[in-house]
Amino acid sequence: MSSGLAAIAPPARTPGFWSRARGHRSFTIGAVLTLLLIGAALLSLVWTPYSPYEMNLPGRLQGPNATHWLGTDPFGRDVASLLLMGARASITVGVIAVSIGLLFGTALGLLAAARRGWVEEAIMRLADFGFAFPAILSAIMLTAVFGAGMVNAIIAIGIYNIPTFARITRASANAIWSREFVLAARACGKGAFSITMEHVLPNILSVLIVQATIRFAIAILAEAALSYLGLGTQPPQPSWGRMLSEAQTLLFQAPLLAVFPGVAIAFAVLGLNLLGDGLRDLLDPRLARKR
């Protein structure tokens, strides 16, 4: 008779984040498209095939060729160079606008969850009021007062993001405030600010990261729409939305002028949305799937 106990098999090792990410199709495709967008913007800082501000009227409306890979626009500017510079403008507007919404919206949401009562009610009613002014309407109002430009577009999109982040932060934080470890922290005498910074905020970061990624895509789309209407990035700074606006009268003469910026916008928004969906699956254990 054996005197030893049967060996106990060690518990299965939980796959790490990157191991699961490599097998997540949405995350992988979204990450690739997003990296291409960022790479195009970074490349435009050091190199473009031609100067995006240099006009060559004799060479206008050329199709793709060995000299101009994607052709030229109605002013003879190189389309590939304009697309690279347009990626930089889109990322600049997206990063700053989402940062504005994330900073102020998260602060308001955390305050509402921590104080409750009339403070929470006032912040939520203010957020409801903010939803009545979408980015384009806000940009029109700012343009009427201060004039069109990238700065006003950033402010308009940033203000539009604040109510969204405030509501999501408040809902997520309320769920954390009801958890046992927060009740234990309160029993130990910790104040609302300490609990918020040490326990609540770290536990909702994943939700905020996912939402920021999705709002980034919306900000790029909003910037393109504002530039298309003439309210966003102003000449001579290249913008994908303004490229579409300039190409709309030449759809039958040079249809590719509308195709290239349209495809760029579509892939940028698609990539960020897929990245956000992938991060939601990977960062939320309730949604994580074994693949």
C-alpha atoms as a PDB file:
ATOM      1  CA  MET A   1       0.000   0.000   0.000  1.00  0.00           C
ATOM      2  CA  SER A   2       1.332   3.373  -0.992  1.00  0.00           C
ATOM      3  CA  SER A   3       2.133   5.597   1.969  1.00  0.00           C
ATOM      4  CA  GLY A   4       2.392   8.856   0.061  1.00  0.00           C
ATOM      5  CA  LEU A   5      -0.425  11.091  -0.984  1.00  0.00           C
ATOM      6  CA  ALA A   6      -1.134  11.548  -4.657  1.00  0.00           C
ATOM      7  CA  ALA A   7       0.506  14.615  -6.074  1.00  0.00           C
ATOM      8  CA  ILE A   8      -1.849  17.524  -6.500  1.00  0.00           C
ATOM      9  CA  ALA A   9      -1.706  19.078  -9.930  1.00  0.00           C
ATOM     10  CA  PRO A  10      -0.896  22.785  -9.896  1.00  0.00           C
ATOM     11  CA  PRO A  11      -3.746  25.100 -10.876  1.00  0.00           C
ATOM     12  CA  ALA A  12      -3.968  26.108 -14.506  1.00  0.00           C
ATOM     13  CA  ARG A  13      -2.091  29.287 -15.244  1.00  0.00           C
ATOM     14  CA  THR A  14      -4.288  32.198 -16.302  1.00  0.00           C
ATOM     15  CA  PRO A  15      -3.182  33.604 -19.666  1.00  0.00           C
ATOM     16  CA  GLY A  16      -1.682  37.101 -19.468  1.00  0.00           C
ATOM     17  CA  PHE A  17      -3.123  40.184 -21.146  1.00  0.00           C
ATOM     18  CA  TRP A  18      -0.849  40.064 -24.191  1.00  0.00           C
ATOM     19  CA  SER A  19      -1.386  36.332 -24.639  1.00  0.00           C
ATOM     20  CA  ARG A  20      -5.137  36.877 -24.791  1.00  0.00           C
ATOM     21  CA  ALA A  21      -4.730  40.035 -26.898  1.00  0.00           C
ATOM     22  CA  ARG A  22      -2.824  38.186 -29.630  1.00  0.00           C
ATOM     23  CA  GLY A  23      -5.747  35.805 -30.014  1.00  0.00           C
ATOM     24  CA  HIS A  24      -8.413  38.526 -29.994  1.00  0.00           C
ATOM     25  CA  ARG A  25      -9.306  39.357 -33.582  1.00  0.00           C
ATOM     26  CA  SER A  26     -11.000  42.720 -32.961  1.00  0.00           C
ATOM     27  CA  PHE A  27      -8.164  43.949 -30.752  1.00  0.00           C
ATOM     28  CA  THR A  28      -5.502  42.829 -33.237  1.00  0.00           C
ATOM     29  CA  ILE A  29      -7.141  44.426 -36.280  1.00  0.00           C
ATOM     30  CA  GLY A  30      -7.947  47.593 -34.336  1.00  0.00           C
ATOM     31  CA  ALA A  31      -4.403  47.854 -32.973  1.00  0.00           C
ATOM     32  CA  VAL A  32      -2.902  47.472 -36.452  1.00  0.00           C
ATOM     33  CA  LEU A  33      -5.162  50.149 -37.960  1.00  0.00           C
ATOM     34  CA  THR A  34      -4.562  52.492 -35.023  1.00  0.00           C
ATOM     35  CA  LEU A  35      -0.797  52.025 -35.250  1.00  0.00           C
ATOM     36  CA  LEU A  36      -0.970  52.837 -38.959  1.00  0.00           C
ATOM     37  CA  LEU A  37      -2.827  56.053 -38.130  1.00  0.00           C
ATOM     38  CA  ILE A  38      -0.303  57.025 -35.467  1.00  0.00           C
ATOM     39  CA  GLY A  39       2.581  56.017 -37.732  1.00  0.00           C
ATOM     40  CA  ALA A  40       1.255  58.245 -40.540  1.00  0.00           C
ATOM     41  CA  ALA A  41       0.976  61.194 -38.155  1.00  0.00           C
ATOM     42  CA  LEU A  42       4.488  60.649 -36.782  1.00  0.00           C
ATOM     43  CA  LEU A  43       5.918  60.223 -40.277  1.00  0.00           C
ATOM     44  CA  SER A  44       4.432  63.558 -41.326  1.00  0.00           C
ATOM     45  CA  LEU A  45       6.504  65.244 -38.605  1.00  0.00           C
ATOM     46  CA  VAL A  46       9.763  64.345 -40.343  1.00  0.00           C
ATOM     47  CA  TRP A  47       8.890  63.522 -43.964  1.00  0.00           C
ATOM     48  CA  THR A  48       6.250  63.895 -46.646  1.00  0.00           C
ATOM     49  CA  PRO A  49       6.718  63.127 -50.375  1.00  0.00           C
ATOM     50  CA  TYR A  50       6.130  66.808 -51.173  1.00  0.00           C
ATOM     51  CA  SER A  51       5.291  69.917 -49.222  1.00  0.00           C
ATOM     52  CA  PRO A  52       1.540  69.857 -48.552  1.00  0.00           C
ATOM     53  CA  TYR A  53       1.499  73.640 -48.932  1.00  0.00           C
ATOM     54  CA  GLU A  54       3.217  73.751 -52.324  1.00  0.00           C
ATOM     55  CA  MET A  55       0.795  74.348 -55.206  1.00  0.00           C
ATOM     56  CA  ASN A  56       1.541  73.312 -58.804  1.00  0.00           C
ATOM     57  CA  LEU A  57      -1.356  74.429 -60.983  1.00  0.00           C
ATOM     58  CA  PRO A  58       0.039  72.969 -64.246  1.00  0.00           C
ATOM     59  CA  GLY A  59       0.123  69.549 -62.545  1.00  0.00           C
ATOM     60  CA  ARG A  60      -3.387  69.694 -61.038  1.00  0.00           C
ATOM     61  CA  LEU A  61      -5.786  66.736 -60.977  1.00  0.00           C
ATOM     62  CA  GLN A  62      -3.241  64.100 -61.921  1.00  0.00           C
ATOM     63  CA  GLY A  63      -4.132  60.483 -61.273  1.00  0.00           C
ATOM     64  CA  PRO A  64      -1.890  58.146 -59.282  1.00  0.00           C
ATOM     65  CA  ASN A  65       1.520  57.862 -60.963  1.00  0.00           C
ATOM     66  CA  ALA A  66       5.171  57.224 -60.189  1.00  0.00           C
ATOM     67  CA  THR A  67       5.756  60.868 -59.239  1.00  0.00           C
ATOM     68  CA  HIS A  68       2.597  61.434 -57.186  1.00  0.00           C
ATOM     69  CA  TRP A  69       1.586  58.075 -55.732  1.00  0.00           C
ATOM     70  CA  LEU A  70      -2.022  59.118 -55.063  1.00  0.00           C
ATOM     71  CA  GLY A  71      -2.246  61.915 -57.610  1.00  0.00           C
ATOM     72  CA  THR A  72      -2.721  65.647 -57.085  1.00  0.00           C
ATOM     73  CA  ASP A  73      -5.629  67.816 -55.965  1.00  0.00           C
ATOM     74  CA  PRO A  74      -7.259  70.823 -57.750  1.00  0.00           C
ATOM     75  CA  PHE A  75      -4.329  73.019 -56.642  1.00  0.00           C
ATOM     76  CA  GLY A  76      -1.641  70.585 -57.745  1.00  0.00           C
ATOM     77  CA  ARG A  77      -0.750  69.512 -54.206  1.00  0.00           C
ATOM     78  CA  ASP A  78       0.354  65.940 -53.584  1.00  0.00           C
ATOM     79  CA  VAL A  79      -2.569  63.915 -52.160  1.00  0.00           C
ATOM     80  CA  ALA A  80      -0.333  61.486 -50.250  1.00  0.00           C
ATOM     81  CA  SER A  81       1.319  64.396 -48.432  1.00  0.00           C
ATOM     82  CA  LEU A  82      -2.070  65.893 -47.621  1.00  0.00           C
ATOM     83  CA  LEU A  83      -3.275  62.575 -46.186  1.00  0.00           C
ATOM     84  CA  LEU A  84      -0.207  62.265 -43.949  1.00  0.00           C
ATOM     85  CA  MET A  85      -0.641  65.805 -42.648  1.00  0.00           C
ATOM     86  CA  GLY A  86      -4.378  65.231 -42.239  1.00  0.00           C
ATOM     87  CA  ALA A  87      -3.643  62.268 -39.954  1.00  0.00           C
ATOM     88  CA  ARG A  88      -1.626  64.588 -37.715  1.00  0.00           C
ATOM     89  CA  ALA A  89      -4.502  67.093 -37.528  1.00  0.00           C
ATOM     90  CA  SER A  90      -7.018  64.345 -36.713  1.00  0.00           C
ATOM     91  CA  ILE A  91      -4.877  62.906 -33.923  1.00  0.00           C
ATOM     92  CA  THR A  92      -4.161  66.351 -32.480  1.00  0.00           C
ATOM     93  CA  VAL A  93      -7.840  67.230 -32.307  1.00  0.00           C
ATOM     94  CA  GLY A  94      -8.781  63.777 -31.000  1.00  0.00           C
ATOM     95  CA  VAL A  95      -6.167  63.611 -28.241  1.00  0.00           C
ATOM     96  CA  ILE A  96      -6.811  67.103 -26.885  1.00  0.00           C
ATOM     97  CA  ALA A  97     -10.600  66.931 -27.165  1.00  0.00           C
ATOM     98  CA  VAL A  98     -10.809  63.507 -25.505  1.00  0.00           C
ATOM     99  CA  SER A  99      -8.383  64.640 -22.791  1.00  0.00           C
ATOM    100  CA  ILE A 100     -10.648  67.603 -22.020  1.00  0.00           C
ATOM    101  CA  GLY A 101     -13.680  65.339 -21.749  1.00  0.00           C
ATOM    102  CA  LEU A 102     -11.800  62.703 -19.755  1.00  0.00           C
ATOM    103  CA  LEU A 103     -10.317  65.157 -17.261  1.00  0.00           C
ATOM    104  CA  PHE A 104     -13.405  67.224 -16.493  1.00  0.00           C
ATOM    105  CA  GLY A 105     -15.971  64.467 -17.025  1.00  0.00           C
ATOM    106  CA  THR A 106     -14.157  62.000 -14.762  1.00  0.00           C
ATOM    107  CA  ALA A 107     -13.732  64.618 -12.051  1.00  0.00           C
ATOM    108  CA  LEU A 108     -17.427  65.492 -12.135  1.00  0.00           C
ATOM    109  CA  GLY A 109     -18.480  61.825 -12.176  1.00  0.00           C
ATOM    110  CA  LEU A 110     -16.264  60.971  -9.213  1.00  0.00           C
ATOM    111  CA  LEU A 111     -17.568  63.983  -7.296  1.00  0.00           C
ATOM    112  CA  ALA A 112     -21.177  62.975  -7.992  1.00  0.00           C
ATOM    113  CA  ALA A 113     -20.574  59.414  -6.803  1.00  0.00           C
ATOM    114  CA  ALA A 114     -18.702  60.510  -3.680  1.00  0.00           C
ATOM    115  CA  ARG A 115     -21.062  63.259  -2.492  1.00  0.00           C
ATOM    116  CA  ARG A 116     -24.464  61.940  -3.664  1.00  0.00           C
ATOM    117  CA  GLY A 117     -27.549  64.005  -2.779  1.00  0.00           C
ATOM    118  CA  TRP A 118     -28.062  67.384  -4.397  1.00  0.00           C
ATOM    119  CA  VAL A 119     -24.465  67.460  -5.694  1.00  0.00           C
ATOM    120  CA  GLU A 120     -25.023  64.309  -7.732  1.00  0.00           C
ATOM    121  CA  GLU A 121     -28.389  65.552  -8.948  1.00  0.00           C
ATOM    122  CA  ALA A 122     -26.950  68.919 -10.031  1.00  0.00           C
ATOM    123  CA  ILE A 123     -24.052  67.326 -11.920  1.00  0.00           C
ATOM    124  CA  MET A 124     -26.314  64.866 -13.711  1.00  0.00           C
ATOM    125  CA  ARG A 125     -28.766  67.586 -14.735  1.00  0.00           C
ATOM    126  CA  LEU A 126     -25.800  69.618 -16.009  1.00  0.00           C
ATOM    127  CA  ALA A 127     -24.710  66.581 -18.021  1.00  0.00           C
ATOM    128  CA  ASP A 128     -28.217  66.278 -19.466  1.00  0.00           C
ATOM    129  CA  PHE A 129     -28.011  69.929 -20.496  1.00  0.00           C
ATOM    130  CA  GLY A 130     -24.659  69.262 -22.173  1.00  0.00           C
ATOM    131  CA  PHE A 131     -26.172  66.480 -24.275  1.00  0.00           C
ATOM    132  CA  ALA A 132     -28.435  69.087 -25.872  1.00  0.00           C
ATOM    133  CA  PHE A 133     -25.398  70.672 -27.568  1.00  0.00           C
ATOM    134  CA  PRO A 134     -23.627  68.195 -29.881  1.00  0.00           C
ATOM    135  CA  ALA A 135     -20.155  68.972 -31.202  1.00  0.00           C
ATOM    136  CA  ILE A 136     -21.284  70.444 -34.510  1.00  0.00           C
ATOM    137  CA  LEU A 137     -23.884  72.730 -32.887  1.00  0.00           C
ATOM    138  CA  SER A 138     -21.344  73.847 -30.270  1.00  0.00           C
ATOM    139  CA  ALA A 139     -18.810  74.558 -33.016  1.00  0.00           C
ATOM    140  CA  ILE A 140     -21.344  76.651 -34.921  1.00  0.00           C
ATOM    141  CA  MET A 141     -22.009  78.738 -31.797  1.00  0.00           C
ATOM    142  CA  LEU A 142     -18.287  79.158 -31.063  1.00  0.00           C
ATOM    143  CA  THR A 143     -17.609  80.026 -34.699  1.00  0.00           C
ATOM    144  CA  ALA A 144     -20.266  82.712 -34.633  1.00  0.00           C
ATOM    145  CA  VAL A 145     -18.528  84.345 -31.669  1.00  0.00           C
ATOM    146  CA  PHE A 146     -14.819  83.605 -32.108  1.00  0.00           C
ATOM    147  CA  GLY A 147     -14.448  82.508 -35.753  1.00  0.00           C
ATOM    148  CA  ALA A 148     -13.716  79.119 -37.328  1.00  0.00           C
ATOM    149  CA  GLY A 149     -10.561  77.198 -36.494  1.00  0.00           C
ATOM    150  CA  MET A 150      -9.017  74.067 -35.023  1.00  0.00           C
ATOM    151  CA  VAL A 151      -8.974  75.461 -31.476  1.00  0.00           C
ATOM    152  CA  ASN A 152     -12.707  76.121 -31.467  1.00  0.00           C
ATOM    153  CA  ALA A 153     -13.333  72.659 -32.944  1.00  0.00           C
ATOM    154  CA  ILE A 154     -11.255  71.098 -30.147  1.00  0.00           C
ATOM    155  CA  ILE A 155     -13.169  73.052 -27.495  1.00  0.00           C
ATOM    156  CA  ALA A 156     -16.531  72.098 -28.997  1.00  0.00           C
ATOM    157  CA  ILE A 157     -15.689  68.387 -29.233  1.00  0.00           C
ATOM    158  CA  GLY A 158     -14.136  68.449 -25.748  1.00  0.00           C
ATOM    159  CA  ILE A 159     -17.267  70.000 -24.211  1.00  0.00           C
ATOM    160  CA  TYR A 160     -19.368  67.414 -26.028  1.00  0.00           C
ATOM    161  CA  ASN A 161     -17.297  64.614 -24.405  1.00  0.00           C
ATOM    162  CA  ILE A 162     -17.626  65.873 -20.822  1.00  0.00           C
ATOM    163  CA  PRO A 163     -21.226  64.692 -20.140  1.00  0.00           C
ATOM    164  CA  THR A 164     -20.483  61.235 -21.551  1.00  0.00           C
ATOM    165  CA  PHE A 165     -17.464  60.701 -19.310  1.00  0.00           C
ATOM    166  CA  ALA A 166     -19.314  62.176 -16.310  1.00  0.00           C
ATOM    167  CA  ARG A 167     -22.223  59.729 -16.663  1.00  0.00           C
ATOM    168  CA  ILE A 168     -20.026  56.673 -17.247  1.00  0.00           C
ATOM    169  CA  THR A 169     -17.711  57.584 -14.371  1.00  0.00           C
ATOM    170  CA  ARG A 170     -20.592  58.195 -11.987  1.00  0.00           C
ATOM    171  CA  ALA A 171     -22.295  54.879 -12.842  1.00  0.00           C
ATOM    172  CA  SER A 172     -19.053  52.887 -12.543  1.00  0.00           C
ATOM    173  CA  ALA A 173     -18.008  54.657  -9.342  1.00  0.00           C
ATOM    174  CA  ASN A 174     -21.394  54.062  -7.701  1.00  0.00           C
ATOM    175  CA  ALA A 175     -20.933  50.327  -8.268  1.00  0.00           C
ATOM    176  CA  ILE A 176     -17.515  50.450  -6.570  1.00  0.00           C
ATOM    177  CA  TRP A 177     -18.791  52.516  -3.628  1.00  0.00           C
ATOM    178  CA  SER A 178     -21.162  49.677  -2.723  1.00  0.00           C
ATOM    179  CA  ARG A 179     -18.387  47.063  -2.591  1.00  0.00           C
ATOM    180  CA  GLU A 180     -17.247  45.509   0.701  1.00  0.00           C
ATOM    181  CA  PHE A 181     -13.660  46.779   0.567  1.00  0.00           C
ATOM    182  CA  VAL A 182     -14.904  50.369   0.238  1.00  0.00           C
ATOM    183  CA  LEU A 183     -17.248  49.887   3.195  1.00  0.00           C
ATOM    184  CA  ALA A 184     -14.280  48.531   5.158  1.00  0.00           C
ATOM    185  CA  ALA A 185     -12.195  51.574   4.208  1.00  0.00           C
ATOM    186  CA  ARG A 186     -14.959  53.885   5.406  1.00  0.00           C
ATOM    187  CA  ALA A 187     -15.187  51.930   8.671  1.00  0.00           C
ATOM    188  CA  CYS A 188     -11.461  52.503   9.142  1.00  0.00           C
ATOM    189  CA  GLY A 189     -12.018  56.253   9.006  1.00  0.00           C
ATOM    190  CA  LYS A 190     -10.857  57.043   5.475  1.00  0.00           C
ATOM    191  CA  GLY A 191     -12.369  60.126   3.886  1.00  0.00           C
ATOM    192  CA  ALA A 192     -14.240  60.316   0.608  1.00  0.00           C
ATOM    193  CA  PHE A 193     -11.263  61.789  -1.264  1.00  0.00           C
ATOM    194  CA  SER A 194      -8.860  59.070  -0.094  1.00  0.00           C
ATOM    195  CA  ILE A 195     -11.327  56.307  -0.957  1.00  0.00           C
ATOM    196  CA  THR A 196     -11.957  57.834  -4.373  1.00  0.00           C
ATOM    197  CA  MET A 197      -8.271  58.086  -5.271  1.00  0.00           C
ATOM    198  CA  GLU A 198      -7.097  54.816  -3.680  1.00  0.00           C
ATOM    199  CA  HIS A 199     -10.008  52.480  -4.362  1.00  0.00           C
ATOM    200  CA  VAL A 200     -12.627  53.872  -6.736  1.00  0.00           C
ATOM    201  CA  LEU A 201     -10.545  55.444  -9.502  1.00  0.00           C
ATOM    202  CA  PRO A 202      -8.109  52.504  -9.943  1.00  0.00           C
ATOM    203  CA  ASN A 203     -11.046  50.106 -10.274  1.00  0.00           C
ATOM    204  CA  ILE A 204     -12.780  52.090 -13.030  1.00  0.00           C
ATOM    205  CA  LEU A 205      -9.683  52.928 -15.091  1.00  0.00           C
ATOM    206  CA  SER A 206     -10.318  50.091 -17.518  1.00  0.00           C
ATOM    207  CA  VAL A 207     -13.819  51.433 -18.249  1.00  0.00           C
ATOM    208  CA  LEU A 208     -12.421  54.928 -18.818  1.00  0.00           C
ATOM    209  CA  ILE A 209      -9.669  53.655 -21.129  1.00  0.00           C
ATOM    210  CA  VAL A 210     -12.176  51.791 -23.281  1.00  0.00           C
ATOM    211  CA  GLN A 211     -14.500  54.783 -23.422  1.00  0.00           C
ATOM    212  CA  ALA A 212     -11.625  57.149 -24.268  1.00  0.00           C
ATOM    213  CA  THR A 213     -10.674  54.931 -27.212  1.00  0.00           C
ATOM    214  CA  ILE A 214     -14.227  54.956 -28.547  1.00  0.00           C
ATOM    215  CA  ARG A 215     -14.607  58.717 -28.008  1.00  0.00           C
ATOM    216  CA  PHE A 216     -11.317  59.197 -29.877  1.00  0.00           C
ATOM    217  CA  ALA A 217     -12.943  57.653 -32.938  1.00  0.00           C
ATOM    218  CA  ILE A 218     -15.982  59.908 -32.552  1.00  0.00           C
ATOM    219  CA  ALA A 219     -13.708  62.954 -32.169  1.00  0.00           C
ATOM    220  CA  ILE A 220     -11.918  62.151 -35.443  1.00  0.00           C
ATOM    221  CA  LEU A 221     -15.272  61.797 -37.188  1.00  0.00           C
ATOM    222  CA  ALA A 222     -16.525  65.057 -35.654  1.00  0.00           C
ATOM    223  CA  GLU A 223     -13.355  66.902 -36.704  1.00  0.00           C
ATOM    224  CA  ALA A 224     -13.773  65.650 -40.259  1.00  0.00           C
ATOM    225  CA  ALA A 225     -17.420  66.771 -40.277  1.00  0.00           C
ATOM    226  CA  LEU A 226     -16.557  70.210 -38.917  1.00  0.00           C
ATOM    227  CA  SER A 227     -13.741  70.655 -41.431  1.00  0.00           C
ATOM    228  CA  TYR A 228     -16.093  69.543 -44.211  1.00  0.00           C
ATOM    229  CA  LEU A 229     -18.482  72.323 -43.160  1.00  0.00           C
ATOM    230  CA  GLY A 230     -15.626  74.835 -42.975  1.00  0.00           C
ATOM    231  CA  LEU A 231     -15.767  75.116 -39.172  1.00  0.00           C
ATOM    232  CA  GLY A 232     -12.754  73.006 -38.252  1.00  0.00           C
ATOM    233  CA  THR A 233      -9.150  73.030 -39.429  1.00  0.00           C
ATOM    234  CA  GLN A 234      -8.597  76.026 -41.695  1.00  0.00           C
ATOM    235  CA  PRO A 235      -6.419  76.409 -44.823  1.00  0.00           C
ATOM    236  CA  PRO A 236      -3.601  75.948 -45.474  1.00  0.00           C
ATOM    237  CA  GLN A 237      -3.477  73.228 -42.789  1.00  0.00           C
ATOM    238  CA  PRO A 238      -4.526  69.926 -44.456  1.00  0.00           C
ATOM    239  CA  SER A 239      -7.574  68.102 -43.114  1.00  0.00           C
ATOM    240  CA  TRP A 240      -9.339  64.956 -44.281  1.00  0.00           C
ATOM    241  CA  GLY A 241     -12.747  66.609 -43.941  1.00  0.00           C
ATOM    242  CA  ARG A 242     -11.753  69.614 -46.032  1.00  0.00           C
ATOM    243  CA  MET A 243     -10.236  67.305 -48.655  1.00  0.00           C
ATOM    244  CA  LEU A 244     -13.673  65.706 -48.968  1.00  0.00           C
ATOM    245  CA  SER A 245     -15.302  69.123 -49.217  1.00  0.00           C
ATOM    246  CA  GLU A 246     -12.943  70.214 -51.994  1.00  0.00           C
ATOM    247  CA  ALA A 247     -13.446  66.932 -53.880  1.00  0.00           C
ATOM    248  CA  GLN A 248     -17.256  66.962 -53.887  1.00  0.00           C
ATOM    249  CA  THR A 249     -17.461  69.180 -56.985  1.00  0.00           C
ATOM    250  CA  LEU A 250     -15.041  66.915 -58.877  1.00  0.00           C
ATOM    251  CA  LEU A 251     -16.642  63.520 -58.274  1.00  0.00           C
ATOM    252  CA  PHE A 252     -17.041  62.774 -61.975  1.00  0.00           C
ATOM    253  CA  GLN A 253     -13.777  64.368 -63.064  1.00  0.00           C
ATOM    254  CA  ALA A 254     -11.492  62.969 -60.320  1.00  0.00           C
ATOM    255  CA  PRO A 255     -13.448  60.567 -58.042  1.00  0.00           C
ATOM    256  CA  LEU A 256     -10.309  59.305 -56.289  1.00  0.00           C
ATOM    257  CA  LEU A 257      -9.911  62.689 -54.590  1.00  0.00           C
ATOM    258  CA  ALA A 258     -12.937  61.808 -52.447  1.00  0.00           C
ATOM    259  CA  VAL A 259     -12.090  58.115 -52.106  1.00  0.00           C
ATOM    260  CA  PHE A 260      -8.681  58.533 -50.457  1.00  0.00           C
ATOM    261  CA  PRO A 261      -9.677  60.820 -47.529  1.00  0.00           C
ATOM    262  CA  GLY A 262     -12.962  58.926 -47.134  1.00  0.00           C
ATOM    263  CA  VAL A 263     -11.116  55.619 -46.821  1.00  0.00           C
ATOM    264  CA  ALA A 264      -8.640  57.208 -44.373  1.00  0.00           C
ATOM    265  CA  ILE A 265     -11.465  58.432 -42.130  1.00  0.00           C
ATOM    266  CA  ALA A 266     -13.275  55.090 -42.350  1.00  0.00           C
ATOM    267  CA  PHE A 267     -10.198  53.036 -41.436  1.00  0.00           C
ATOM    268  CA  ALA A 268      -9.224  55.383 -38.593  1.00  0.00           C
ATOM    269  CA  VAL A 269     -12.690  55.236 -37.032  1.00  0.00           C
ATOM    270  CA  LEU A 270     -12.996  51.487 -37.649  1.00  0.00           C
ATOM    271  CA  GLY A 271      -9.604  50.800 -36.102  1.00  0.00           C
ATOM    272  CA  LEU A 272     -10.312  52.790 -32.945  1.00  0.00           C
ATOM    273  CA  ASN A 273     -13.759  51.227 -32.527  1.00  0.00           C
ATOM    274  CA  LEU A 274     -12.367  47.708 -32.928  1.00  0.00           C
ATOM    275  CA  LEU A 275      -9.564  48.563 -30.507  1.00  0.00           C
ATOM    276  CA  GLY A 276     -12.096  49.826 -27.975  1.00  0.00           C
ATOM    277  CA  ASP A 277     -14.245  46.707 -28.323  1.00  0.00           C
ATOM    278  CA  GLY A 278     -11.166  44.515 -27.927  1.00  0.00           C
ATOM    279  CA  LEU A 279     -10.002  46.387 -24.836  1.00  0.00           C
ATOM    280  CA  ARG A 280     -13.464  46.072 -23.319  1.00  0.00           C
ATOM    281  CA  ASP A 281     -13.338  42.299 -23.718  1.00  0.00           C
ATOM    282  CA  LEU A 282      -9.771  42.008 -22.449  1.00  0.00           C
ATOM    283  CA  LEU A 283      -9.949  44.402 -19.493  1.00  0.00           C
ATOM    284  CA  ASP A 284     -13.381  43.421 -18.165  1.00  0.00           C
ATOM    285  CA  PRO A 285     -13.194  39.906 -16.652  1.00  0.00           C
ATOM    286  CA  ARG A 286     -16.948  39.509 -17.062  1.00  0.00           C
ATOM    287  CA  LEU A 287     -16.650  39.959 -20.820  1.00  0.00           C
ATOM    288  CA  ALA A 288     -13.320  38.262 -21.366  1.00  0.00           C
ATOM    289  CA  ARG A 289     -13.602  35.200 -23.546  1.00  0.00           C
ATOM    290  CA  LYS A 290     -11.236  32.273 -23.924  1.00  0.00           C
ATOM    291  CA  ARG A 291     -10.062  32.095 -27.508  1.00  0.00           C
END
